[in-house]
Amino acid sequence: MPVFKVHISPTVEAEIEHYVHEIAKDSIPNALKWYGGMMDKISTLIQSPARCPYADEIAFHDYEIRNLIFGNYRILFHIKGSTVQVLHVKHGKMKRRPLE
């Protein structure tokens, strides 16, 4: 089974950091637990990322966008060759719209 390289952009790192800060307002231990869980979930993309369904945002773009669910959050990503590019981390309640 091929192993993929997962790339997390600075934009995605900032999105994750934003959610950690929001969660930490109520509970620092929960924020740390969420962060660890999120990173663990993203790391699963090294194997079989195509197992994840297409994201609704695919309708706005000319390339595949898939999503991996982590609790109430969606990890949006694109597979290109042997690399998985994590595009965004969004709360599930956020409106589906073109990615920036």
Protein backbone atom coordinates (compact mmCIF):
# COMPACT_ATOMS: atom_id res chain seq x y z
CA MET A 1 0.00 0.00 0.00
CA PRO A 2 1.51 3.36 -1.02
CA VAL A 3 2.33 5.91 1.63
CA PHE A 4 1.45 9.54 0.95
CA LYS A 5 3.22 12.66 2.15
CA VAL A 6 0.87 15.03 3.98
CA HIS A 7 1.50 18.77 3.61
CA ILE A 8 -0.13 21.21 6.02
CA SER A 9 0.13 24.82 4.86
CA PRO A 10 0.68 27.80 7.19
CA THR A 11 -2.95 28.79 6.47
CA VAL A 12 -4.19 25.46 7.81
CA GLU A 13 -1.86 25.71 10.80
CA ALA A 14 -3.41 29.13 11.54
CA GLU A 15 -6.94 27.70 11.25
CA ILE A 16 -6.09 24.91 13.67
CA GLU A 17 -4.48 27.40 16.05
CA HIS A 18 -7.63 29.54 15.91
CA TYR A 19 -9.81 26.58 16.93
CA VAL A 20 -7.38 25.63 19.72
CA HIS A 21 -7.61 29.17 21.13
CA GLU A 22 -11.41 29.14 20.91
CA ILE A 23 -11.64 25.80 22.71
CA ALA A 24 -9.06 26.92 25.30
CA LYS A 25 -11.35 29.78 26.33
CA ASP A 26 -13.49 27.12 28.01
CA SER A 27 -10.89 24.46 28.78
CA ILE A 28 -7.17 24.28 28.13
CA PRO A 29 -7.08 20.48 28.64
CA ASN A 30 -9.89 20.09 26.08
CA ALA A 31 -8.03 22.34 23.64
CA LEU A 32 -4.87 20.25 23.97
CA LYS A 33 -6.86 17.04 23.58
CA TRP A 34 -8.62 18.45 20.49
CA TYR A 35 -5.29 19.49 18.96
CA GLY A 36 -3.75 16.06 19.51
CA GLY A 37 -6.81 14.36 18.07
CA MET A 38 -6.85 16.66 15.05
CA MET A 39 -3.20 16.00 14.28
CA ASP A 40 -3.69 12.26 14.75
CA LYS A 41 -6.65 12.36 12.34
CA ILE A 42 -4.70 14.32 9.73
CA SER A 43 -1.84 11.82 10.01
CA THR A 44 -4.19 9.02 8.91
CA LEU A 45 -4.12 10.58 5.44
CA ILE A 46 -0.71 9.01 4.81
CA GLN A 47 -2.57 5.84 3.85
CA SER A 48 -5.54 5.57 1.51
CA PRO A 49 -6.64 9.22 1.43
CA ALA A 50 -8.98 8.37 -1.46
CA ARG A 51 -11.11 6.47 1.08
CA CYS A 52 -12.58 9.83 2.06
CA PRO A 53 -15.61 11.15 0.21
CA TYR A 54 -15.65 14.18 -2.04
CA ALA A 55 -16.40 17.45 -0.29
CA ASP A 56 -19.32 19.64 -1.35
CA GLU A 57 -16.76 22.32 -2.30
CA ILE A 58 -15.73 20.21 -5.30
CA ALA A 59 -18.63 21.86 -7.19
CA PHE A 60 -16.75 25.19 -7.10
CA HIS A 61 -13.37 23.96 -8.32
CA ASP A 62 -11.85 22.06 -11.23
CA TYR A 63 -9.91 19.67 -9.01
CA GLU A 64 -10.87 17.01 -6.48
CA ILE A 65 -11.50 18.09 -2.93
CA ARG A 66 -12.15 15.45 -0.32
CA ASN A 67 -13.02 15.69 3.34
CA LEU A 68 -12.14 13.76 6.43
CA ILE A 69 -14.37 14.23 9.44
CA PHE A 70 -13.02 14.84 12.94
CA GLY A 71 -15.84 15.40 15.42
CA ASN A 72 -17.64 18.55 14.31
CA TYR A 73 -14.82 19.54 11.94
CA ARG A 74 -14.01 18.79 8.32
CA ILE A 75 -10.47 18.44 7.05
CA LEU A 76 -10.53 19.47 3.38
CA PHE A 77 -7.74 18.15 1.20
CA HIS A 78 -6.56 17.46 -2.33
CA ILE A 79 -4.55 14.47 -3.53
CA LYS A 80 -1.87 15.22 -6.11
CA GLY A 81 0.38 12.32 -7.00
CA SER A 82 1.82 10.98 -3.77
CA THR A 83 1.10 14.16 -1.79
CA VAL A 84 -1.97 15.07 0.22
CA GLN A 85 -2.37 18.83 0.46
CA VAL A 86 -4.52 19.81 3.44
CA LEU A 87 -6.43 22.86 2.20
CA HIS A 88 -8.53 23.89 5.18
CA VAL A 89 -9.96 22.80 8.51
CA LYS A 90 -13.55 24.01 8.85
CA HIS A 91 -16.22 23.65 11.50
CA GLY A 92 -19.03 21.49 10.13
CA LYS A 93 -21.57 24.29 10.53
CA MET A 94 -19.66 26.61 8.19
CA LYS A 95 -21.32 27.26 4.85
CA ARG A 96 -19.93 25.29 1.93
CA ARG A 97 -18.45 27.80 -0.50
CA PRO A 98 -15.47 28.13 -2.84
CA LEU A 99 -12.14 27.70 -1.09
CA GLU A 100 -9.79 30.65 -0.95
